[in-house]
Structure formats: structure tokens, C-alpha cells
Amino acid sequence: MAPRKSHNRVPEWRVHQFRQRNKGIVYGPYDCPKCMHKKLRIRIDKNIQTVVAQCECGLEHSFKYISSYEPVDYFCNLVDEFY
């Protein structure tokens, strides 16, 4: 087991930085319908109820978070709206 002394603990400011950096779950890569490269990422942020699909080519689209959807469902919706 790990020692429980105070000098071995992670400082609270460091824990706070880590929590701030965690923006959501990222899924991908998927094939981008605009540039046809495998650079599309889907970021799900359950705290603010949004899903953002981003590609390095500049394509960006946001959706409302639906708990029953999987990341591939958001990708299919993006492709349907793109074409």
C-alpha cells in the first residue's frame, strides 16, 4: 500500500489542474467527409451536454448530447448533414 504521509500526497492545486484539463471523452479517428483523411475526432462533454466533431482541415460541428447515442451515431449524423 502507498504511504499516507502528507509529503507523499499530490498537492491540491495539481489535482485541480488535472481536473480542469479533462474536457471530455475523445473518440476517433474517423474519416472526415470534407478532406477524406482519418483526422476527425468526436469529443463528448457530458457536463455541458454537447458533442463536438472536429477535424484538422477546419470542419467543426456541434451536436446536443443524447445519452443513448454512441460516437458512431454522431459520426453518421455528421455525414448525413454534410452530404
PDB file of N, CA and C in Angstrom:
ATOM      1  N   MET A   1       0.835  -1.183   0.000  1.00  0.00           N
ATOM      2  CA  MET A   1       0.000   0.000   0.000  1.00  0.00           C
ATOM      3  C   MET A   1       0.876   1.242   0.000  1.00  0.00           C
ATOM      4  N   ALA A   2       0.331   2.309  -0.486  1.00  0.00           N
ATOM      5  CA  ALA A   2       1.056   3.572  -0.550  1.00  0.00           C
ATOM      6  C   ALA A   2       1.090   4.229   0.825  1.00  0.00           C
ATOM      7  N   PRO A   3       2.186   4.917   1.132  1.00  0.00           N
ATOM      8  CA  PRO A   3       2.249   5.625   2.411  1.00  0.00           C
ATOM      9  C   PRO A   3       1.253   6.774   2.455  1.00  0.00           C
ATOM     10  N   ARG A   4       0.774   7.079   3.638  1.00  0.00           N
ATOM     11  CA  ARG A   4      -0.253   8.100   3.787  1.00  0.00           C
ATOM     12  C   ARG A   4       0.288   9.380   4.418  1.00  0.00           C
ATOM     13  N   LYS A   5       1.566   9.598   4.317  1.00  0.00           N
ATOM     14  CA  LYS A   5       2.154  10.811   4.871  1.00  0.00           C
ATOM     15  C   LYS A   5       1.854  11.992   3.961  1.00  0.00           C
ATOM     16  N   SER A   6       1.786  13.156   4.545  1.00  0.00           N
ATOM     17  CA  SER A   6       1.386  14.344   3.785  1.00  0.00           C
ATOM     18  C   SER A   6       2.408  14.719   2.721  1.00  0.00           C
ATOM     19  N   HIS A   7       3.681  14.424   2.926  1.00  0.00           N
ATOM     20  CA  HIS A   7       4.670  14.805   1.919  1.00  0.00           C
ATOM     21  C   HIS A   7       4.625  13.881   0.695  1.00  0.00           C
ATOM     22  N   ASN A   8       3.887  12.800   0.752  1.00  0.00           N
ATOM     23  CA  ASN A   8       3.744  11.898  -0.386  1.00  0.00           C
ATOM     24  C   ASN A   8       2.463  12.136  -1.176  1.00  0.00           C
ATOM     25  N   ARG A   9       1.619  13.018  -0.729  1.00  0.00           N
ATOM     26  CA  ARG A   9       0.350  13.270  -1.414  1.00  0.00           C
ATOM     27  C   ARG A   9       0.534  14.266  -2.556  1.00  0.00           C
ATOM     28  N   VAL A  10      -0.348  14.170  -3.521  1.00  0.00           N
ATOM     29  CA  VAL A  10      -0.353  15.120  -4.631  1.00  0.00           C
ATOM     30  C   VAL A  10      -0.981  16.413  -4.136  1.00  0.00           C
ATOM     31  N   PRO A  11      -0.336  17.556  -4.394  1.00  0.00           N
ATOM     32  CA  PRO A  11      -0.903  18.832  -3.933  1.00  0.00           C
ATOM     33  C   PRO A  11      -2.269  19.097  -4.566  1.00  0.00           C
ATOM     34  N   GLU A  12      -3.120  19.778  -3.837  1.00  0.00           N
ATOM     35  CA  GLU A  12      -4.483  20.042  -4.304  1.00  0.00           C
ATOM     36  C   GLU A  12      -4.491  20.899  -5.568  1.00  0.00           C
ATOM     37  N   TRP A  13      -3.552  21.846  -5.697  1.00  0.00           N
ATOM     38  CA  TRP A  13      -3.517  22.691  -6.894  1.00  0.00           C
ATOM     39  C   TRP A  13      -3.210  21.857  -8.135  1.00  0.00           C
ATOM     40  N   ARG A  14      -2.407  20.793  -7.976  1.00  0.00           N
ATOM     41  CA  ARG A  14      -2.083  19.927  -9.100  1.00  0.00           C
ATOM     42  C   ARG A  14      -3.295  19.083  -9.495  1.00  0.00           C
ATOM     43  N   VAL A  15      -4.033  18.611  -8.528  1.00  0.00           N
ATOM     44  CA  VAL A  15      -5.250  17.848  -8.792  1.00  0.00           C
ATOM     45  C   VAL A  15      -6.257  18.732  -9.515  1.00  0.00           C
ATOM     46  N   HIS A  16      -6.360  19.992  -9.099  1.00  0.00           N
ATOM     47  CA  HIS A  16      -7.285  20.932  -9.734  1.00  0.00           C
ATOM     48  C   HIS A  16      -6.896  21.171 -11.193  1.00  0.00           C
ATOM     49  N   GLN A  17      -5.596  21.297 -11.470  1.00  0.00           N
ATOM     50  CA  GLN A  17      -5.146  21.478 -12.851  1.00  0.00           C
ATOM     51  C   GLN A  17      -5.517  20.272 -13.703  1.00  0.00           C
ATOM     52  N   PHE A  18      -5.351  19.093 -13.162  1.00  0.00           N
ATOM     53  CA  PHE A  18      -5.688  17.884 -13.909  1.00  0.00           C
ATOM     54  C   PHE A  18      -7.177  17.825 -14.200  1.00  0.00           C
ATOM     55  N   ARG A  19      -7.999  18.182 -13.238  1.00  0.00           N
ATOM     56  CA  ARG A  19      -9.445  18.162 -13.436  1.00  0.00           C
ATOM     57  C   ARG A  19      -9.885  19.205 -14.447  1.00  0.00           C
ATOM     58  N   GLN A  20      -9.228  20.363 -14.474  1.00  0.00           N
ATOM     59  CA  GLN A  20      -9.573  21.396 -15.446  1.00  0.00           C
ATOM     60  C   GLN A  20      -9.216  20.955 -16.855  1.00  0.00           C
ATOM     61  N   ARG A  21      -8.100  20.250 -16.993  1.00  0.00           N
ATOM     62  CA  ARG A  21      -7.644  19.840 -18.301  1.00  0.00           C
ATOM     63  C   ARG A  21      -8.543  18.778 -18.925  1.00  0.00           C
ATOM     64  N   ASN A  22      -9.205  17.988 -18.115  1.00  0.00           N
ATOM     65  CA  ASN A  22     -10.057  16.919 -18.607  1.00  0.00           C
ATOM     66  C   ASN A  22     -11.354  17.522 -19.144  1.00  0.00           C
ATOM     67  N   LYS A  23     -11.423  17.704 -20.442  1.00  0.00           N
ATOM     68  CA  LYS A  23     -12.567  18.361 -21.069  1.00  0.00           C
ATOM     69  C   LYS A  23     -13.667  17.389 -21.454  1.00  0.00           C
ATOM     70  N   GLY A  24     -13.373  16.159 -21.621  1.00  0.00           N
ATOM     71  CA  GLY A  24     -14.383  15.195 -22.032  1.00  0.00           C
ATOM     72  C   GLY A  24     -13.732  13.988 -22.672  1.00  0.00           C
ATOM     73  N   ILE A  25     -14.539  13.117 -23.174  1.00  0.00           N
ATOM     74  CA  ILE A  25     -14.054  11.890 -23.776  1.00  0.00           C
ATOM     75  C   ILE A  25     -13.883  12.125 -25.274  1.00  0.00           C
ATOM     76  N   VAL A  26     -12.755  11.691 -25.819  1.00  0.00           N
ATOM     77  CA  VAL A  26     -12.475  11.869 -27.242  1.00  0.00           C
ATOM     78  C   VAL A  26     -12.522  10.505 -27.915  1.00  0.00           C
ATOM     79  N   TYR A  27     -13.263  10.438 -29.003  1.00  0.00           N
ATOM     80  CA  TYR A  27     -13.357   9.213 -29.786  1.00  0.00           C
ATOM     81  C   TYR A  27     -12.841   9.488 -31.190  1.00  0.00           C
ATOM     82  N   GLY A  28     -12.255   8.519 -31.793  1.00  0.00           N
ATOM     83  CA  GLY A  28     -11.793   8.670 -33.157  1.00  0.00           C
ATOM     84  C   GLY A  28     -10.479   7.929 -33.329  1.00  0.00           C
ATOM     85  N   PRO A  29      -9.841   8.084 -34.418  1.00  0.00           N
ATOM     86  CA  PRO A  29     -10.172   8.965 -35.530  1.00  0.00           C
ATOM     87  C   PRO A  29     -11.187   8.330 -36.481  1.00  0.00           C
ATOM     88  N   TYR A  30     -11.951   9.189 -37.106  1.00  0.00           N
ATOM     89  CA  TYR A  30     -12.899   8.784 -38.133  1.00  0.00           C
ATOM     90  C   TYR A  30     -12.498   9.437 -39.448  1.00  0.00           C
ATOM     91  N   ASP A  31     -13.029   8.934 -40.552  1.00  0.00           N
ATOM     92  CA  ASP A  31     -12.767   9.533 -41.858  1.00  0.00           C
ATOM     93  C   ASP A  31     -13.555  10.823 -41.985  1.00  0.00           C
ATOM     94  N   CYS A  32     -12.858  11.913 -42.281  1.00  0.00           N
ATOM     95  CA  CYS A  32     -13.511  13.211 -42.432  1.00  0.00           C
ATOM     96  C   CYS A  32     -14.227  13.259 -43.781  1.00  0.00           C
ATOM     97  N   PRO A  33     -15.493  13.691 -43.821  1.00  0.00           N
ATOM     98  CA  PRO A  33     -16.197  13.759 -45.104  1.00  0.00           C
ATOM     99  C   PRO A  33     -15.714  14.912 -45.985  1.00  0.00           C
ATOM    100  N   LYS A  34     -14.999  15.876 -45.414  1.00  0.00           N
ATOM    101  CA  LYS A  34     -14.522  17.026 -46.182  1.00  0.00           C
ATOM    102  C   LYS A  34     -13.168  16.753 -46.838  1.00  0.00           C
ATOM    103  N   CYS A  35     -12.195  16.281 -46.052  1.00  0.00           N
ATOM    104  CA  CYS A  35     -10.843  16.093 -46.590  1.00  0.00           C
ATOM    105  C   CYS A  35     -10.497  14.627 -46.862  1.00  0.00           C
ATOM    106  N   MET A  36     -11.358  13.705 -46.465  1.00  0.00           N
ATOM    107  CA  MET A  36     -11.187  12.265 -46.674  1.00  0.00           C
ATOM    108  C   MET A  36      -9.961  11.678 -45.969  1.00  0.00           C
ATOM    109  N   HIS A  37      -9.463  12.340 -44.920  1.00  0.00           N
ATOM    110  CA  HIS A  37      -8.380  11.796 -44.112  1.00  0.00           C
ATOM    111  C   HIS A  37      -8.946  11.287 -42.792  1.00  0.00           C
ATOM    112  N   LYS A  38      -8.202  10.443 -42.144  1.00  0.00           N
ATOM    113  CA  LYS A  38      -8.643   9.869 -40.873  1.00  0.00           C
ATOM    114  C   LYS A  38      -8.205  10.789 -39.735  1.00  0.00           C
ATOM    115  N   LYS A  39      -8.772  11.996 -39.694  1.00  0.00           N
ATOM    116  CA  LYS A  39      -8.370  13.005 -38.716  1.00  0.00           C
ATOM    117  C   LYS A  39      -9.536  13.528 -37.892  1.00  0.00           C
ATOM    118  N   LEU A  40     -10.734  13.026 -38.101  1.00  0.00           N
ATOM    119  CA  LEU A  40     -11.920  13.535 -37.414  1.00  0.00           C
ATOM    120  C   LEU A  40     -11.996  12.959 -36.002  1.00  0.00           C
ATOM    121  N   ARG A  41     -12.157  13.831 -35.030  1.00  0.00           N
ATOM    122  CA  ARG A  41     -12.285  13.433 -33.621  1.00  0.00           C
ATOM    123  C   ARG A  41     -13.641  13.878 -33.104  1.00  0.00           C
ATOM    124  N   ILE A  42     -14.228  13.082 -32.250  1.00  0.00           N
ATOM    125  CA  ILE A  42     -15.515  13.411 -31.638  1.00  0.00           C
ATOM    126  C   ILE A  42     -15.294  13.529 -30.144  1.00  0.00           C
ATOM    127  N   ARG A  43     -15.586  14.717 -29.610  1.00  0.00           N
ATOM    128  CA  ARG A  43     -15.397  14.994 -28.184  1.00  0.00           C
ATOM    129  C   ARG A  43     -16.763  15.107 -27.523  1.00  0.00           C
ATOM    130  N   ILE A  44     -16.978  14.307 -26.485  1.00  0.00           N
ATOM    131  CA  ILE A  44     -18.239  14.311 -25.748  1.00  0.00           C
ATOM    132  C   ILE A  44     -17.997  14.939 -24.387  1.00  0.00           C
ATOM    133  N   ASP A  45     -18.737  16.000 -24.089  1.00  0.00           N
ATOM    134  CA  ASP A  45     -18.654  16.648 -22.780  1.00  0.00           C
ATOM    135  C   ASP A  45     -20.019  16.533 -22.120  1.00  0.00           C
ATOM    136  N   LYS A  46     -20.132  15.612 -21.180  1.00  0.00           N
ATOM    137  CA  LYS A  46     -21.415  15.354 -20.536  1.00  0.00           C
ATOM    138  C   LYS A  46     -21.801  16.458 -19.567  1.00  0.00           C
ATOM    139  N   ASN A  47     -20.826  17.222 -19.081  1.00  0.00           N
ATOM    140  CA  ASN A  47     -21.130  18.285 -18.121  1.00  0.00           C
ATOM    141  C   ASN A  47     -21.958  19.398 -18.745  1.00  0.00           C
ATOM    142  N   ILE A  48     -21.618  19.785 -19.975  1.00  0.00           N
ATOM    143  CA  ILE A  48     -22.361  20.872 -20.626  1.00  0.00           C
ATOM    144  C   ILE A  48     -23.282  20.355 -21.726  1.00  0.00           C
ATOM    145  N   GLN A  49     -23.416  19.022 -21.810  1.00  0.00           N
ATOM    146  CA  GLN A  49     -24.377  18.375 -22.712  1.00  0.00           C
ATOM    147  C   GLN A  49     -24.131  18.712 -24.184  1.00  0.00           C
ATOM    148  N   THR A  50     -22.860  18.701 -24.622  1.00  0.00           N
ATOM    149  CA  THR A  50     -22.544  18.951 -26.024  1.00  0.00           C
ATOM    150  C   THR A  50     -21.592  17.892 -26.555  1.00  0.00           C
ATOM    151  N   VAL A  51     -21.638  17.740 -27.869  1.00  0.00           N
ATOM    152  CA  VAL A  51     -20.729  16.856 -28.585  1.00  0.00           C
ATOM    153  C   VAL A  51     -20.160  17.669 -29.736  1.00  0.00           C
ATOM    154  N   VAL A  52     -18.835  17.660 -29.879  1.00  0.00           N
ATOM    155  CA  VAL A  52     -18.185  18.430 -30.936  1.00  0.00           C
ATOM    156  C   VAL A  52     -17.382  17.474 -31.802  1.00  0.00           C
ATOM    157  N   ALA A  53     -17.615  17.550 -33.111  1.00  0.00           N
ATOM    158  CA  ALA A  53     -16.828  16.790 -34.077  1.00  0.00           C
ATOM    159  C   ALA A  53     -15.879  17.771 -34.751  1.00  0.00           C
ATOM    160  N   GLN A  54     -14.570  17.504 -34.680  1.00  0.00           N
ATOM    161  CA  GLN A  54     -13.560  18.401 -35.218  1.00  0.00           C
ATOM    162  C   GLN A  54     -12.585  17.636 -36.082  1.00  0.00           C
ATOM    163  N   CYS A  55     -12.122  18.320 -37.136  1.00  0.00           N
ATOM    164  CA  CYS A  55     -11.087  17.764 -37.991  1.00  0.00           C
ATOM    165  C   CYS A  55      -9.985  18.804 -38.139  1.00  0.00           C
ATOM    166  N   GLU A  56      -8.792  18.360 -38.502  1.00  0.00           N
ATOM    167  CA  GLU A  56      -7.677  19.277 -38.698  1.00  0.00           C
ATOM    168  C   GLU A  56      -7.865  20.143 -39.936  1.00  0.00           C
ATOM    169  N   CYS A  57      -8.746  19.750 -40.849  1.00  0.00           N
ATOM    170  CA  CYS A  57      -8.976  20.538 -42.062  1.00  0.00           C
ATOM    171  C   CYS A  57      -9.863  21.753 -41.805  1.00  0.00           C
ATOM    172  N   GLY A  58     -10.446  21.852 -40.618  1.00  0.00           N
ATOM    173  CA  GLY A  58     -11.275  23.003 -40.275  1.00  0.00           C
ATOM    174  C   GLY A  58     -12.747  22.674 -40.114  1.00  0.00           C
ATOM    175  N   LEU A  59     -13.133  21.474 -40.435  1.00  0.00           N
ATOM    176  CA  LEU A  59     -14.528  21.066 -40.258  1.00  0.00           C
ATOM    177  C   LEU A  59     -14.834  20.954 -38.770  1.00  0.00           C
ATOM    178  N   GLU A  60     -15.895  21.617 -38.345  1.00  0.00           N
ATOM    179  CA  GLU A  60     -16.305  21.547 -36.947  1.00  0.00           C
ATOM    180  C   GLU A  60     -17.817  21.613 -36.887  1.00  0.00           C
ATOM    181  N   HIS A  61     -18.394  20.709 -36.122  1.00  0.00           N
ATOM    182  CA  HIS A  61     -19.843  20.671 -35.984  1.00  0.00           C
ATOM    183  C   HIS A  61     -20.168  20.254 -34.558  1.00  0.00           C
ATOM    184  N   SER A  62     -21.180  20.888 -33.974  1.00  0.00           N
ATOM    185  CA  SER A  62     -21.557  20.527 -32.608  1.00  0.00           C
ATOM    186  C   SER A  62     -22.976  19.975 -32.602  1.00  0.00           C
ATOM    187  N   PHE A  63     -23.204  19.048 -31.705  1.00  0.00           N
ATOM    188  CA  PHE A  63     -24.487  18.394 -31.534  1.00  0.00           C
ATOM    189  C   PHE A  63     -24.906  18.504 -30.079  1.00  0.00           C
ATOM    190  N   LYS A  64     -26.182  18.300 -29.836  1.00  0.00           N
ATOM    191  CA  LYS A  64     -26.667  18.189 -28.469  1.00  0.00           C
ATOM    192  C   LYS A  64     -26.407  16.765 -27.995  1.00  0.00           C
ATOM    193  N   TYR A  65     -25.986  16.611 -26.757  1.00  0.00           N
ATOM    194  CA  TYR A  65     -25.660  15.298 -26.201  1.00  0.00           C
ATOM    195  C   TYR A  65     -26.936  14.497 -25.961  1.00  0.00           C
ATOM    196  N   ILE A  66     -26.957  13.274 -26.473  1.00  0.00           N
ATOM    197  CA  ILE A  66     -28.048  12.330 -26.250  1.00  0.00           C
ATOM    198  C   ILE A  66     -27.419  11.079 -25.648  1.00  0.00           C
ATOM    199  N   SER A  67     -27.865  10.710 -24.464  1.00  0.00           N
ATOM    200  CA  SER A  67     -27.189   9.649 -23.712  1.00  0.00           C
ATOM    201  C   SER A  67     -27.265   8.280 -24.389  1.00  0.00           C
ATOM    202  N   SER A  68     -28.260   8.051 -25.208  1.00  0.00           N
ATOM    203  CA  SER A  68     -28.392   6.736 -25.840  1.00  0.00           C
ATOM    204  C   SER A  68     -27.542   6.606 -27.103  1.00  0.00           C
ATOM    205  N   TYR A  69     -26.931   7.698 -27.570  1.00  0.00           N
ATOM    206  CA  TYR A  69     -26.106   7.663 -28.778  1.00  0.00           C
ATOM    207  C   TYR A  69     -24.693   7.201 -28.457  1.00  0.00           C
ATOM    208  N   GLU A  70     -24.110   6.482 -29.394  1.00  0.00           N
ATOM    209  CA  GLU A  70     -22.696   6.121 -29.364  1.00  0.00           C
ATOM    210  C   GLU A  70     -21.952   7.117 -30.263  1.00  0.00           C
ATOM    211  N   PRO A  71     -20.623   7.187 -30.183  1.00  0.00           N
ATOM    212  CA  PRO A  71     -19.878   8.118 -31.041  1.00  0.00           C
ATOM    213  C   PRO A  71     -20.103   7.882 -32.526  1.00  0.00           C
ATOM    214  N   VAL A  72     -20.287   6.641 -32.929  1.00  0.00           N
ATOM    215  CA  VAL A  72     -20.514   6.367 -34.341  1.00  0.00           C
ATOM    216  C   VAL A  72     -21.853   6.955 -34.806  1.00  0.00           C
ATOM    217  N   ASP A  73     -22.828   7.077 -33.912  1.00  0.00           N
ATOM    218  CA  ASP A  73     -24.103   7.696 -34.269  1.00  0.00           C
ATOM    219  C   ASP A  73     -23.918   9.180 -34.571  1.00  0.00           C
ATOM    220  N   TYR A  74     -23.089   9.850 -33.789  1.00  0.00           N
ATOM    221  CA  TYR A  74     -22.796  11.260 -34.061  1.00  0.00           C
ATOM    222  C   TYR A  74     -22.043  11.404 -35.380  1.00  0.00           C
ATOM    223  N   PHE A  75     -21.141  10.459 -35.658  1.00  0.00           N
ATOM    224  CA  PHE A  75     -20.416  10.489 -36.924  1.00  0.00           C
ATOM    225  C   PHE A  75     -21.377  10.320 -38.098  1.00  0.00           C
ATOM    226  N   CYS A  76     -22.323   9.405 -37.980  1.00  0.00           N
ATOM    227  CA  CYS A  76     -23.309   9.195 -39.048  1.00  0.00           C
ATOM    228  C   CYS A  76     -24.180  10.433 -39.242  1.00  0.00           C
ATOM    229  N   ASN A  77     -24.559  11.094 -38.158  1.00  0.00           N
ATOM    230  CA  ASN A  77     -25.330  12.335 -38.275  1.00  0.00           C
ATOM    231  C   ASN A  77     -24.518  13.422 -38.965  1.00  0.00           C
ATOM    232  N   LEU A  78     -23.229  13.492 -38.671  1.00  0.00           N
ATOM    233  CA  LEU A  78     -22.364  14.478 -39.321  1.00  0.00           C
ATOM    234  C   LEU A  78     -22.278  14.218 -40.816  1.00  0.00           C
ATOM    235  N   VAL A  79     -22.097  12.969 -41.200  1.00  0.00           N
ATOM    236  CA  VAL A  79     -22.013  12.621 -42.619  1.00  0.00           C
ATOM    237  C   VAL A  79     -23.337  12.923 -43.312  1.00  0.00           C
ATOM    238  N   ASP A  80     -24.461  12.623 -42.672  1.00  0.00           N
ATOM    239  CA  ASP A  80     -25.773  12.914 -43.258  1.00  0.00           C
ATOM    240  C   ASP A  80     -25.967  14.408 -43.472  1.00  0.00           C
ATOM    241  N   GLU A  81     -25.544  15.224 -42.511  1.00  0.00           N
ATOM    242  CA  GLU A  81     -25.693  16.672 -42.649  1.00  0.00           C
ATOM    243  C   GLU A  81     -24.699  17.254 -43.647  1.00  0.00           C
ATOM    244  N   PHE A  82     -23.528  16.631 -43.783  1.00  0.00           N
ATOM    245  CA  PHE A  82     -22.523  17.147 -44.715  1.00  0.00           C
ATOM    246  C   PHE A  82     -22.952  16.938 -46.155  1.00  0.00           C
ATOM    247  N   TYR A  83     -23.517  15.769 -46.452  1.00  0.00           N
ATOM    248  CA  TYR A  83     -23.953  15.480 -47.813  1.00  0.00           C
ATOM    249  C   TYR A  83     -25.398  15.805 -47.916  1.00  0.00           C
TER     250      TYR A  83
END
